[in-house]
């Protein structure tokens, strides 16, 4: 019986998608690539990374982290450990990470963590990726749920909480407001393509 081939074998450009449960990671990947990634029936079920392979480009969807309804705390810790271990083990291979956050509730969630004297896990992960020198895009999803007159203020607050000095517009290579539900993912698509272009991999544009 043939051993199942590792989808990462021979890959030369890896794009990592990471974020809390239910922020729209898998939907964003589907919107960008036209392909579905394998997902669990409910948040927190999937413990292993899911991969899509296009030529020598690897798209990796890491399990969702954070609070997961119906999932025991110990299992949530296992998920976090697996995410950290995957990133550490593959730092040299990962070209860009896309940290997907839910812009409509990010500040409320972050405030709850702060009230407990803890660093919000999204913020912690962003700094972790930076410490490993992994080029990171923050895809602020679900902006369709934010009133248009409140959008800039919300994005400024998110930038500040993450550690980027507002206004958010001065981070055009890092912050990408999107709405997967409204098929509005142009900003993150352009940032990924810029990374491909800088790596002299315009040949991969056809997949994203």
N, C-alpha and C. Protein backbone atom coordinates (compact mmCIF):
# COMPACT_ATOMS: atom_id res chain seq x y z
N UNK A 1 0.83 -1.19 0.00
CA UNK A 1 0.00 0.00 0.00
C UNK A 1 0.88 1.25 0.00
N UNK A 2 0.60 2.18 -0.91
CA UNK A 2 1.40 3.39 -1.03
C UNK A 2 1.14 4.33 0.14
N UNK A 3 2.21 4.90 0.63
CA UNK A 3 2.09 5.88 1.71
C UNK A 3 1.51 7.17 1.12
N UNK A 4 0.55 7.75 1.84
CA UNK A 4 -0.07 8.99 1.37
C UNK A 4 0.98 10.10 1.32
N UNK A 5 1.06 10.78 0.18
CA UNK A 5 2.08 11.81 0.00
C UNK A 5 1.78 13.03 0.85
N UNK A 6 2.83 13.57 1.47
CA UNK A 6 2.71 14.79 2.26
C UNK A 6 2.48 15.96 1.30
N UNK A 7 1.35 16.69 1.44
CA UNK A 7 1.07 17.79 0.52
C UNK A 7 2.12 18.90 0.58
N UNK A 8 2.86 18.95 1.69
CA UNK A 8 3.88 20.00 1.83
C UNK A 8 5.18 19.65 1.12
N UNK A 9 5.33 18.38 0.77
CA UNK A 9 6.59 17.94 0.16
C UNK A 9 6.85 18.65 -1.16
N UNK A 10 8.01 19.28 -1.25
CA UNK A 10 8.38 19.98 -2.48
C UNK A 10 7.79 21.36 -2.63
N UNK A 11 7.00 21.82 -1.65
CA UNK A 11 6.41 23.15 -1.77
C UNK A 11 7.48 24.22 -1.58
N UNK A 12 7.36 25.31 -2.32
CA UNK A 12 8.37 26.37 -2.27
C UNK A 12 7.79 27.71 -1.85
N UNK A 13 6.47 27.76 -1.70
CA UNK A 13 5.84 29.01 -1.24
C UNK A 13 4.62 28.62 -0.40
N UNK A 14 4.68 28.92 0.89
CA UNK A 14 3.56 28.56 1.77
C UNK A 14 2.87 29.81 2.30
N UNK A 15 1.55 29.80 2.18
CA UNK A 15 0.72 30.86 2.75
C UNK A 15 -0.09 30.24 3.88
N UNK A 16 0.06 30.80 5.06
CA UNK A 16 -0.57 30.26 6.27
C UNK A 16 -1.78 31.12 6.64
N UNK A 17 -2.92 30.48 6.87
CA UNK A 17 -4.11 31.19 7.34
C UNK A 17 -4.38 30.74 8.78
N UNK A 18 -4.51 31.71 9.67
CA UNK A 18 -4.68 31.41 11.08
C UNK A 18 -5.65 32.40 11.70
N UNK A 19 -6.35 31.98 12.73
CA UNK A 19 -7.29 32.89 13.39
C UNK A 19 -8.20 32.13 14.35
N UNK A 20 -9.01 32.89 15.07
CA UNK A 20 -9.97 32.30 15.99
C UNK A 20 -10.97 31.42 15.25
N UNK A 21 -11.67 30.61 16.00
CA UNK A 21 -12.77 29.84 15.42
C UNK A 21 -13.86 30.80 14.93
N UNK A 22 -14.44 30.46 13.80
CA UNK A 22 -15.61 31.18 13.30
C UNK A 22 -15.34 32.62 12.85
N UNK A 23 -14.11 32.90 12.39
CA UNK A 23 -13.83 34.25 11.87
C UNK A 23 -13.89 34.28 10.34
N UNK A 24 -14.00 33.10 9.71
CA UNK A 24 -14.12 33.07 8.26
C UNK A 24 -12.86 32.68 7.51
N UNK A 25 -11.93 31.99 8.18
CA UNK A 25 -10.69 31.59 7.52
C UNK A 25 -10.93 30.71 6.30
N UNK A 26 -11.67 29.63 6.53
CA UNK A 26 -11.90 28.66 5.45
C UNK A 26 -12.70 29.30 4.31
N UNK A 27 -13.65 30.15 4.65
CA UNK A 27 -14.44 30.83 3.63
C UNK A 27 -13.58 31.79 2.83
N UNK A 28 -12.62 32.44 3.50
CA UNK A 28 -11.71 33.35 2.80
C UNK A 28 -10.84 32.57 1.82
N UNK A 29 -10.33 31.44 2.25
CA UNK A 29 -9.50 30.61 1.37
C UNK A 29 -10.31 30.19 0.14
N UNK A 30 -11.55 29.78 0.36
CA UNK A 30 -12.41 29.38 -0.75
C UNK A 30 -12.66 30.55 -1.70
N UNK A 31 -12.86 31.73 -1.14
CA UNK A 31 -13.11 32.92 -1.96
C UNK A 31 -11.88 33.28 -2.80
N UNK A 32 -10.68 33.12 -2.21
CA UNK A 32 -9.45 33.49 -2.90
C UNK A 32 -9.02 32.46 -3.95
N UNK A 33 -9.24 31.17 -3.64
CA UNK A 33 -8.70 30.11 -4.50
C UNK A 33 -9.76 29.38 -5.33
N UNK A 34 -11.02 29.50 -4.91
CA UNK A 34 -12.07 28.75 -5.59
C UNK A 34 -12.14 27.30 -5.14
N UNK A 35 -11.32 26.94 -4.16
CA UNK A 35 -11.28 25.56 -3.67
C UNK A 35 -11.70 25.52 -2.20
N UNK A 36 -12.36 24.44 -1.81
CA UNK A 36 -12.76 24.27 -0.42
C UNK A 36 -11.67 23.55 0.36
N UNK A 37 -11.47 24.00 1.59
CA UNK A 37 -10.61 23.24 2.48
C UNK A 37 -11.51 22.40 3.39
N UNK A 38 -10.97 21.28 3.83
CA UNK A 38 -11.73 20.38 4.70
C UNK A 38 -11.93 21.05 6.05
N UNK A 39 -13.17 21.14 6.49
CA UNK A 39 -13.47 21.78 7.78
C UNK A 39 -14.35 20.86 8.62
N UNK A 40 -14.30 21.06 9.93
CA UNK A 40 -15.15 20.30 10.83
C UNK A 40 -16.58 20.82 10.77
N UNK A 41 -17.50 20.02 11.30
CA UNK A 41 -18.91 20.41 11.27
C UNK A 41 -19.21 21.54 12.24
N UNK A 42 -18.35 21.70 13.22
CA UNK A 42 -18.52 22.83 14.14
C UNK A 42 -17.14 23.30 14.58
N UNK A 43 -17.04 24.58 15.01
CA UNK A 43 -15.73 25.12 15.40
C UNK A 43 -15.07 24.28 16.47
N UNK A 44 -13.75 24.11 16.32
CA UNK A 44 -12.99 23.39 17.34
C UNK A 44 -12.86 21.91 17.09
N UNK A 45 -13.53 21.38 16.08
CA UNK A 45 -13.47 19.95 15.82
C UNK A 45 -12.15 19.58 15.15
N UNK A 46 -11.72 20.37 14.19
CA UNK A 46 -10.51 20.07 13.44
C UNK A 46 -9.27 20.39 14.27
N UNK A 47 -8.41 19.40 14.45
CA UNK A 47 -7.18 19.60 15.22
C UNK A 47 -5.94 19.67 14.34
N UNK A 48 -6.04 19.18 13.11
CA UNK A 48 -4.88 19.15 12.23
C UNK A 48 -4.97 20.25 11.18
N UNK A 49 -3.82 20.74 10.70
CA UNK A 49 -3.84 21.70 9.60
C UNK A 49 -4.46 21.07 8.35
N UNK A 50 -5.17 21.88 7.58
CA UNK A 50 -5.70 21.45 6.29
C UNK A 50 -4.87 22.13 5.20
N UNK A 51 -4.61 21.41 4.12
CA UNK A 51 -3.75 21.96 3.07
C UNK A 51 -4.43 21.93 1.70
N UNK A 52 -4.11 22.92 0.89
CA UNK A 52 -4.41 22.91 -0.53
C UNK A 52 -3.09 23.10 -1.26
N UNK A 53 -2.92 22.41 -2.37
CA UNK A 53 -1.67 22.50 -3.11
C UNK A 53 -1.95 22.99 -4.52
N UNK A 54 -1.24 24.03 -4.93
CA UNK A 54 -1.33 24.57 -6.29
C UNK A 54 0.09 24.69 -6.82
N UNK A 55 0.44 23.84 -7.80
CA UNK A 55 1.81 23.81 -8.30
C UNK A 55 2.73 23.58 -7.09
N UNK A 56 3.70 24.47 -6.84
CA UNK A 56 4.56 24.29 -5.67
C UNK A 56 4.18 25.26 -4.54
N UNK A 57 2.96 25.79 -4.60
CA UNK A 57 2.46 26.67 -3.54
C UNK A 57 1.54 25.88 -2.61
N UNK A 58 1.77 26.04 -1.31
CA UNK A 58 0.98 25.36 -0.30
C UNK A 58 0.13 26.38 0.46
N UNK A 59 -1.18 26.14 0.48
CA UNK A 59 -2.10 26.96 1.28
C UNK A 59 -2.45 26.14 2.52
N UNK A 60 -2.17 26.68 3.70
CA UNK A 60 -2.40 25.95 4.94
C UNK A 60 -3.44 26.68 5.80
N UNK A 61 -4.47 25.94 6.18
CA UNK A 61 -5.52 26.45 7.07
C UNK A 61 -5.32 25.80 8.43
N UNK A 62 -4.85 26.58 9.40
CA UNK A 62 -4.63 26.03 10.73
C UNK A 62 -5.95 25.96 11.50
N UNK A 63 -6.05 25.05 12.47
CA UNK A 63 -7.29 24.96 13.26
C UNK A 63 -7.62 26.27 13.94
N UNK A 64 -8.91 26.56 14.09
CA UNK A 64 -9.32 27.76 14.80
C UNK A 64 -8.99 27.65 16.27
N UNK A 65 -8.65 28.79 16.88
CA UNK A 65 -8.29 28.78 18.30
C UNK A 65 -9.21 29.72 19.07
N UNK A 66 -9.03 29.72 20.40
CA UNK A 66 -9.87 30.56 21.25
C UNK A 66 -11.03 29.77 21.81
N UNK A 67 -12.04 30.47 22.30
CA UNK A 67 -13.19 29.78 22.89
C UNK A 67 -13.92 28.99 21.83
N UNK A 68 -14.20 27.74 22.14
CA UNK A 68 -14.94 26.88 21.21
C UNK A 68 -16.08 26.23 21.97
N UNK A 69 -17.27 26.53 21.57
CA UNK A 69 -18.45 26.02 22.26
C UNK A 69 -18.46 24.50 22.28
N UNK A 70 -18.59 23.94 23.48
CA UNK A 70 -18.70 22.49 23.61
C UNK A 70 -17.38 21.75 23.59
N UNK A 71 -16.28 22.49 23.49
CA UNK A 71 -14.96 21.85 23.45
C UNK A 71 -14.28 22.08 24.80
N UNK A 72 -13.81 21.01 25.41
CA UNK A 72 -13.18 21.12 26.72
C UNK A 72 -11.92 21.96 26.66
N UNK A 73 -11.63 22.62 27.80
CA UNK A 73 -10.48 23.53 27.86
C UNK A 73 -9.18 22.82 27.52
N UNK A 74 -9.04 21.58 27.98
CA UNK A 74 -7.81 20.84 27.70
C UNK A 74 -7.61 20.67 26.20
N UNK A 75 -8.69 20.38 25.49
CA UNK A 75 -8.59 20.21 24.04
C UNK A 75 -8.25 21.53 23.37
N UNK A 76 -8.79 22.63 23.90
CA UNK A 76 -8.47 23.95 23.36
C UNK A 76 -6.98 24.24 23.51
N UNK A 77 -6.42 23.85 24.64
CA UNK A 77 -4.98 24.03 24.86
C UNK A 77 -4.17 23.18 23.89
N UNK A 78 -4.66 21.99 23.60
CA UNK A 78 -3.98 21.12 22.62
C UNK A 78 -3.95 21.79 21.25
N UNK A 79 -5.09 22.41 20.88
CA UNK A 79 -5.16 23.11 19.59
C UNK A 79 -4.12 24.23 19.54
N UNK A 80 -4.06 25.03 20.60
CA UNK A 80 -3.08 26.13 20.65
C UNK A 80 -1.66 25.60 20.51
N UNK A 81 -1.36 24.52 21.25
CA UNK A 81 -0.02 23.94 21.19
C UNK A 81 0.32 23.46 19.79
N UNK A 82 -0.65 22.83 19.13
CA UNK A 82 -0.43 22.33 17.77
C UNK A 82 -0.17 23.48 16.79
N UNK A 83 -0.91 24.58 16.96
CA UNK A 83 -0.73 25.74 16.09
C UNK A 83 0.68 26.30 16.26
N UNK A 84 1.08 26.52 17.52
CA UNK A 84 2.40 27.07 17.81
C UNK A 84 3.49 26.15 17.27
N UNK A 85 3.33 24.84 17.50
CA UNK A 85 4.34 23.88 17.05
C UNK A 85 4.45 23.87 15.53
N UNK A 86 3.31 23.92 14.84
CA UNK A 86 3.35 23.91 13.37
C UNK A 86 4.11 25.13 12.85
N UNK A 87 3.79 26.29 13.42
CA UNK A 87 4.45 27.52 12.96
C UNK A 87 5.94 27.47 13.24
N UNK A 88 6.32 27.04 14.44
CA UNK A 88 7.74 26.96 14.80
C UNK A 88 8.48 25.96 13.91
N UNK A 89 7.86 24.82 13.66
CA UNK A 89 8.52 23.77 12.88
C UNK A 89 8.67 24.14 11.41
N UNK A 90 7.82 25.05 10.93
CA UNK A 90 7.83 25.36 9.50
C UNK A 90 8.13 26.82 9.19
N UNK A 91 8.73 27.51 10.15
CA UNK A 91 9.03 28.94 9.97
C UNK A 91 9.82 29.20 8.70
N UNK A 92 10.80 28.37 8.42
CA UNK A 92 11.66 28.59 7.25
C UNK A 92 10.91 28.42 5.93
N UNK A 93 9.78 27.70 5.99
CA UNK A 93 9.03 27.43 4.76
C UNK A 93 7.88 28.41 4.54
N UNK A 94 7.40 29.03 5.62
CA UNK A 94 6.24 29.92 5.53
C UNK A 94 6.66 31.28 4.99
N UNK A 95 6.11 31.66 3.86
CA UNK A 95 6.43 32.95 3.24
C UNK A 95 5.58 34.09 3.77
N UNK A 96 4.32 33.79 4.02
CA UNK A 96 3.41 34.83 4.50
C UNK A 96 2.31 34.19 5.34
N UNK A 97 1.91 34.88 6.40
CA UNK A 97 0.80 34.44 7.23
C UNK A 97 -0.34 35.44 7.08
N UNK A 98 -1.56 34.92 7.02
CA UNK A 98 -2.75 35.77 7.00
C UNK A 98 -3.49 35.51 8.32
N UNK A 99 -3.45 36.50 9.21
CA UNK A 99 -4.16 36.40 10.48
C UNK A 99 -5.55 36.98 10.28
N UNK A 100 -6.56 36.12 10.33
CA UNK A 100 -7.94 36.55 10.07
C UNK A 100 -8.61 36.85 11.42
N UNK A 101 -9.17 38.07 11.53
CA UNK A 101 -9.89 38.43 12.75
C UNK A 101 -11.30 38.89 12.37
N UNK A 102 -12.20 38.80 13.34
CA UNK A 102 -13.58 39.27 13.15
C UNK A 102 -13.63 40.72 13.62
N UNK A 103 -13.59 41.65 12.67
CA UNK A 103 -13.55 43.07 13.00
C UNK A 103 -14.76 43.55 13.76
N UNK A 104 -15.88 42.84 13.62
CA UNK A 104 -17.12 43.30 14.25
C UNK A 104 -17.16 43.04 15.76
N UNK A 105 -16.36 42.09 16.24
CA UNK A 105 -16.37 41.78 17.67
C UNK A 105 -14.97 41.82 18.30
N UNK A 106 -13.96 42.13 17.50
CA UNK A 106 -12.58 42.05 17.98
C UNK A 106 -12.37 42.85 19.26
N UNK A 107 -12.85 44.09 19.31
CA UNK A 107 -12.59 44.94 20.46
C UNK A 107 -13.30 44.41 21.71
N UNK A 108 -14.51 43.90 21.54
CA UNK A 108 -15.24 43.34 22.69
C UNK A 108 -14.50 42.14 23.27
N UNK A 109 -14.03 41.27 22.38
CA UNK A 109 -13.29 40.08 22.82
C UNK A 109 -11.99 40.48 23.50
N UNK A 110 -11.27 41.44 22.88
CA UNK A 110 -9.99 41.89 23.44
C UNK A 110 -10.20 42.53 24.82
N UNK A 111 -11.28 43.30 24.98
CA UNK A 111 -11.57 43.94 26.27
C UNK A 111 -11.82 42.88 27.36
N UNK A 112 -12.51 41.79 26.98
CA UNK A 112 -12.77 40.73 27.95
C UNK A 112 -11.46 40.07 28.41
N UNK A 113 -10.56 39.86 27.48
CA UNK A 113 -9.26 39.28 27.83
C UNK A 113 -8.48 40.25 28.72
N UNK A 114 -8.50 41.53 28.35
CA UNK A 114 -7.79 42.54 29.15
C UNK A 114 -8.33 42.59 30.57
N UNK A 115 -9.65 42.47 30.71
CA UNK A 115 -10.29 42.52 32.04
C UNK A 115 -9.81 41.38 32.93
N UNK A 116 -9.39 40.28 32.29
CA UNK A 116 -8.87 39.13 33.06
C UNK A 116 -7.36 39.23 33.27
N UNK A 117 -6.79 40.33 32.77
CA UNK A 117 -5.34 40.51 32.90
C UNK A 117 -4.55 39.66 31.94
N UNK A 118 -5.19 39.26 30.83
CA UNK A 118 -4.54 38.40 29.83
C UNK A 118 -4.40 39.13 28.50
N UNK A 119 -3.39 38.74 27.74
CA UNK A 119 -3.20 39.31 26.40
C UNK A 119 -4.14 38.58 25.45
N UNK A 120 -4.95 39.32 24.67
CA UNK A 120 -5.83 38.66 23.69
C UNK A 120 -5.01 37.75 22.78
N UNK A 121 -5.52 36.57 22.53
CA UNK A 121 -4.73 35.56 21.81
C UNK A 121 -4.41 36.01 20.38
N UNK A 122 -5.30 36.78 19.75
CA UNK A 122 -5.00 37.30 18.40
C UNK A 122 -3.76 38.19 18.44
N UNK A 123 -3.71 39.06 19.47
CA UNK A 123 -2.58 39.98 19.63
C UNK A 123 -1.30 39.19 19.89
N UNK A 124 -1.41 38.20 20.77
CA UNK A 124 -0.26 37.36 21.11
C UNK A 124 0.27 36.64 19.87
N UNK A 125 -0.63 36.14 19.04
CA UNK A 125 -0.22 35.42 17.85
C UNK A 125 0.44 36.35 16.83
N UNK A 126 -0.09 37.56 16.67
CA UNK A 126 0.51 38.52 15.75
C UNK A 126 1.96 38.80 16.14
N UNK A 127 2.19 39.00 17.44
CA UNK A 127 3.56 39.28 17.91
C UNK A 127 4.44 38.04 17.80
N UNK A 128 3.86 36.88 18.01
CA UNK A 128 4.59 35.62 17.86
C UNK A 128 5.08 35.46 16.42
N UNK A 129 4.20 35.73 15.46
CA UNK A 129 4.58 35.63 14.05
C UNK A 129 5.68 36.64 13.71
N UNK A 130 5.56 37.84 14.27
CA UNK A 130 6.57 38.87 14.02
C UNK A 130 7.92 38.49 14.62
N UNK A 131 7.89 37.89 15.80
CA UNK A 131 9.14 37.46 16.44
C UNK A 131 9.87 36.42 15.60
N UNK A 132 9.09 35.64 14.86
CA UNK A 132 9.68 34.62 13.98
C UNK A 132 10.00 35.18 12.59
N UNK A 133 9.81 36.51 12.43
CA UNK A 133 10.07 37.18 11.15
C UNK A 133 9.21 36.63 10.02
N UNK A 134 7.98 36.25 10.34
CA UNK A 134 7.05 35.80 9.31
C UNK A 134 6.21 37.01 8.87
N UNK A 135 6.27 37.33 7.61
CA UNK A 135 5.53 38.44 7.03
C UNK A 135 4.03 38.20 7.24
N UNK A 136 3.36 39.09 7.95
CA UNK A 136 1.98 38.84 8.37
C UNK A 136 1.01 39.91 7.86
N UNK A 137 -0.09 39.44 7.27
CA UNK A 137 -1.20 40.30 6.85
C UNK A 137 -2.34 40.09 7.85
N UNK A 138 -2.94 41.17 8.30
CA UNK A 138 -4.11 41.08 9.17
C UNK A 138 -5.36 41.31 8.33
N UNK A 139 -6.12 40.25 8.09
CA UNK A 139 -7.36 40.35 7.32
C UNK A 139 -8.51 40.61 8.30
N UNK A 140 -9.00 41.85 8.31
CA UNK A 140 -10.08 42.23 9.23
C UNK A 140 -11.41 41.91 8.53
N UNK A 141 -11.97 40.75 8.86
CA UNK A 141 -13.18 40.27 8.20
C UNK A 141 -14.44 40.82 8.86
N UNK A 142 -15.56 40.64 8.16
CA UNK A 142 -16.91 40.99 8.64
C UNK A 142 -17.09 42.49 8.83
N UNK A 143 -16.42 43.29 7.98
CA UNK A 143 -16.59 44.74 8.09
C UNK A 143 -17.99 45.16 7.65
N UNK A 144 -18.72 44.24 6.97
CA UNK A 144 -20.10 44.55 6.58
C UNK A 144 -21.00 44.69 7.81
N UNK A 145 -20.54 44.17 8.95
CA UNK A 145 -21.32 44.27 10.19
C UNK A 145 -21.02 45.55 10.97
N UNK A 146 -20.08 46.35 10.46
CA UNK A 146 -19.70 47.60 11.12
C UNK A 146 -20.32 48.77 10.37
N UNK A 147 -20.95 49.69 11.06
CA UNK A 147 -21.53 50.87 10.41
C UNK A 147 -20.43 51.63 9.70
N UNK A 148 -20.73 52.11 8.49
CA UNK A 148 -19.71 52.77 7.67
C UNK A 148 -19.07 53.95 8.39
N UNK A 149 -19.89 54.69 9.18
CA UNK A 149 -19.35 55.85 9.89
C UNK A 149 -18.44 55.46 11.05
N UNK A 150 -18.52 54.18 11.46
CA UNK A 150 -17.69 53.71 12.58
C UNK A 150 -16.47 52.92 12.12
N UNK A 151 -16.37 52.67 10.82
CA UNK A 151 -15.34 51.75 10.32
C UNK A 151 -13.93 52.23 10.61
N UNK A 152 -13.61 53.47 10.29
CA UNK A 152 -12.24 53.96 10.51
C UNK A 152 -11.86 53.96 11.98
N UNK A 153 -12.81 54.36 12.84
CA UNK A 153 -12.55 54.36 14.28
C UNK A 153 -12.27 52.94 14.75
N UNK A 154 -13.09 51.99 14.30
CA UNK A 154 -12.91 50.58 14.69
C UNK A 154 -11.57 50.05 14.22
N UNK A 155 -11.21 50.34 12.97
CA UNK A 155 -9.93 49.86 12.43
C UNK A 155 -8.75 50.50 13.15
N UNK A 156 -8.89 51.77 13.53
CA UNK A 156 -7.84 52.44 14.31
C UNK A 156 -7.66 51.77 15.67
N UNK A 157 -8.78 51.43 16.31
CA UNK A 157 -8.74 50.77 17.63
C UNK A 157 -8.09 49.39 17.52
N UNK A 158 -8.44 48.66 16.44
CA UNK A 158 -7.86 47.33 16.23
C UNK A 158 -6.35 47.45 16.02
N UNK A 159 -5.94 48.40 15.18
CA UNK A 159 -4.51 48.61 14.91
C UNK A 159 -3.77 48.90 16.21
N UNK A 160 -4.33 49.80 17.02
CA UNK A 160 -3.68 50.18 18.26
C UNK A 160 -3.58 48.99 19.22
N UNK A 161 -4.65 48.21 19.31
CA UNK A 161 -4.66 47.07 20.23
C UNK A 161 -3.62 46.03 19.80
N UNK A 162 -3.43 45.89 18.51
CA UNK A 162 -2.46 44.92 18.01
C UNK A 162 -1.03 45.41 18.18
N UNK A 163 -0.88 46.75 18.30
CA UNK A 163 0.45 47.31 18.49
C UNK A 163 0.95 48.12 17.31
N UNK A 164 0.03 48.47 16.40
CA UNK A 164 0.36 49.29 15.24
C UNK A 164 -0.20 50.70 15.46
N UNK A 165 0.64 51.71 15.32
CA UNK A 165 0.22 53.08 15.63
C UNK A 165 -0.81 53.56 14.62
N UNK A 166 -1.99 54.01 15.09
CA UNK A 166 -3.02 54.56 14.18
C UNK A 166 -2.51 55.85 13.55
N UNK A 167 -3.13 56.29 12.43
CA UNK A 167 -4.29 55.67 11.77
C UNK A 167 -3.92 54.39 11.02
N UNK A 168 -4.91 53.51 10.88
CA UNK A 168 -4.67 52.20 10.27
C UNK A 168 -4.21 52.32 8.83
N UNK A 169 -4.56 53.46 8.17
CA UNK A 169 -4.21 53.61 6.76
C UNK A 169 -2.70 53.66 6.52
N UNK A 170 -1.92 53.91 7.59
CA UNK A 170 -0.48 53.96 7.38
C UNK A 170 0.16 52.56 7.43
N UNK A 171 -0.71 51.54 7.49
CA UNK A 171 -0.24 50.15 7.45
C UNK A 171 -0.89 49.42 6.26
N UNK A 172 -0.77 50.01 5.05
CA UNK A 172 -1.47 49.42 3.90
C UNK A 172 -0.95 48.06 3.47
N UNK A 173 0.26 47.71 3.90
CA UNK A 173 0.81 46.40 3.55
C UNK A 173 0.49 45.34 4.61
N UNK A 174 -0.17 45.78 5.68
CA UNK A 174 -0.43 44.86 6.80
C UNK A 174 -1.91 44.67 7.07
N UNK A 175 -2.69 45.74 7.07
CA UNK A 175 -4.11 45.67 7.43
C UNK A 175 -4.99 45.66 6.19
N UNK A 176 -5.82 44.63 6.07
CA UNK A 176 -6.70 44.48 4.90
C UNK A 176 -8.14 44.29 5.37
N UNK A 177 -8.97 45.35 5.32
CA UNK A 177 -10.38 45.20 5.69
C UNK A 177 -11.12 44.43 4.59
N UNK A 178 -11.87 43.40 4.98
CA UNK A 178 -12.57 42.57 4.00
C UNK A 178 -13.95 42.16 4.51
N UNK A 179 -14.75 41.68 3.59
CA UNK A 179 -16.02 41.04 3.94
C UNK A 179 -16.20 39.85 3.02
N UNK A 180 -15.89 38.67 3.54
CA UNK A 180 -16.01 37.46 2.73
C UNK A 180 -17.47 37.26 2.32
N UNK A 181 -18.39 37.55 3.23
CA UNK A 181 -19.82 37.37 2.97
C UNK A 181 -20.27 38.18 1.77
N UNK A 182 -19.68 39.38 1.60
CA UNK A 182 -20.05 40.27 0.49
C UNK A 182 -19.11 40.10 -0.70
N UNK A 183 -18.30 39.05 -0.67
CA UNK A 183 -17.32 38.79 -1.74
C UNK A 183 -16.34 39.94 -1.93
N UNK A 184 -16.06 40.65 -0.86
CA UNK A 184 -15.15 41.79 -0.90
C UNK A 184 -13.82 41.39 -0.24
N UNK A 185 -12.95 40.79 -1.04
CA UNK A 185 -11.67 40.31 -0.51
C UNK A 185 -10.50 40.87 -1.31
N UNK A 186 -10.77 41.91 -2.11
CA UNK A 186 -9.75 42.46 -3.00
C UNK A 186 -8.50 42.91 -2.26
N UNK A 187 -8.68 43.56 -1.10
CA UNK A 187 -7.52 44.13 -0.40
C UNK A 187 -6.53 43.05 0.04
N UNK A 188 -7.04 41.94 0.58
CA UNK A 188 -6.12 40.89 1.01
C UNK A 188 -5.55 40.14 -0.20
N UNK A 189 -6.33 40.00 -1.23
CA UNK A 189 -5.84 39.35 -2.45
C UNK A 189 -4.66 40.13 -3.05
N UNK A 190 -4.80 41.44 -3.07
CA UNK A 190 -3.73 42.28 -3.63
C UNK A 190 -2.47 42.20 -2.78
N UNK A 191 -2.63 42.13 -1.45
CA UNK A 191 -1.45 42.04 -0.58
C UNK A 191 -0.74 40.71 -0.74
N UNK A 192 -1.51 39.62 -0.90
CA UNK A 192 -0.90 38.31 -1.14
C UNK A 192 -0.17 38.31 -2.48
N UNK A 193 -0.80 38.88 -3.49
CA UNK A 193 -0.17 38.93 -4.81
C UNK A 193 1.11 39.77 -4.80
N UNK A 194 1.12 40.81 -3.97
CA UNK A 194 2.34 41.62 -3.87
C UNK A 194 3.48 40.77 -3.29
N UNK A 195 3.15 39.95 -2.31
CA UNK A 195 4.18 39.06 -1.75
C UNK A 195 4.66 38.07 -2.81
N UNK A 196 3.73 37.55 -3.60
CA UNK A 196 4.12 36.64 -4.68
C UNK A 196 5.02 37.35 -5.69
N UNK A 197 4.64 38.58 -6.03
CA UNK A 197 5.42 39.35 -7.00
C UNK A 197 6.82 39.64 -6.46
N UNK A 198 6.90 40.04 -5.19
CA UNK A 198 8.20 40.34 -4.59
C UNK A 198 9.10 39.10 -4.56
N UNK A 199 8.47 37.93 -4.49
CA UNK A 199 9.22 36.68 -4.50
C UNK A 199 9.47 36.17 -5.92
N UNK A 200 9.12 37.02 -6.90
CA UNK A 200 9.27 36.67 -8.32
C UNK A 200 8.47 35.41 -8.67
N UNK A 201 7.25 35.34 -8.13
CA UNK A 201 6.38 34.20 -8.37
C UNK A 201 5.04 34.65 -8.97
N UNK A 202 5.10 35.54 -9.96
CA UNK A 202 3.87 35.97 -10.65
C UNK A 202 3.16 34.79 -11.30
N UNK A 203 3.88 33.71 -11.52
CA UNK A 203 3.26 32.52 -12.15
C UNK A 203 2.18 31.92 -11.27
N UNK A 204 2.18 32.26 -9.98
CA UNK A 204 1.19 31.72 -9.06
C UNK A 204 -0.08 32.57 -8.96
N UNK A 205 -0.09 33.72 -9.68
CA UNK A 205 -1.26 34.61 -9.66
C UNK A 205 -2.53 33.87 -10.10
N UNK A 206 -2.37 32.92 -11.00
CA UNK A 206 -3.57 32.25 -11.54
C UNK A 206 -4.33 31.44 -10.49
N UNK A 207 -3.66 31.16 -9.37
CA UNK A 207 -4.31 30.37 -8.32
C UNK A 207 -4.96 31.23 -7.24
N UNK A 208 -4.64 32.53 -7.23
CA UNK A 208 -5.21 33.43 -6.21
C UNK A 208 -5.73 34.69 -6.89
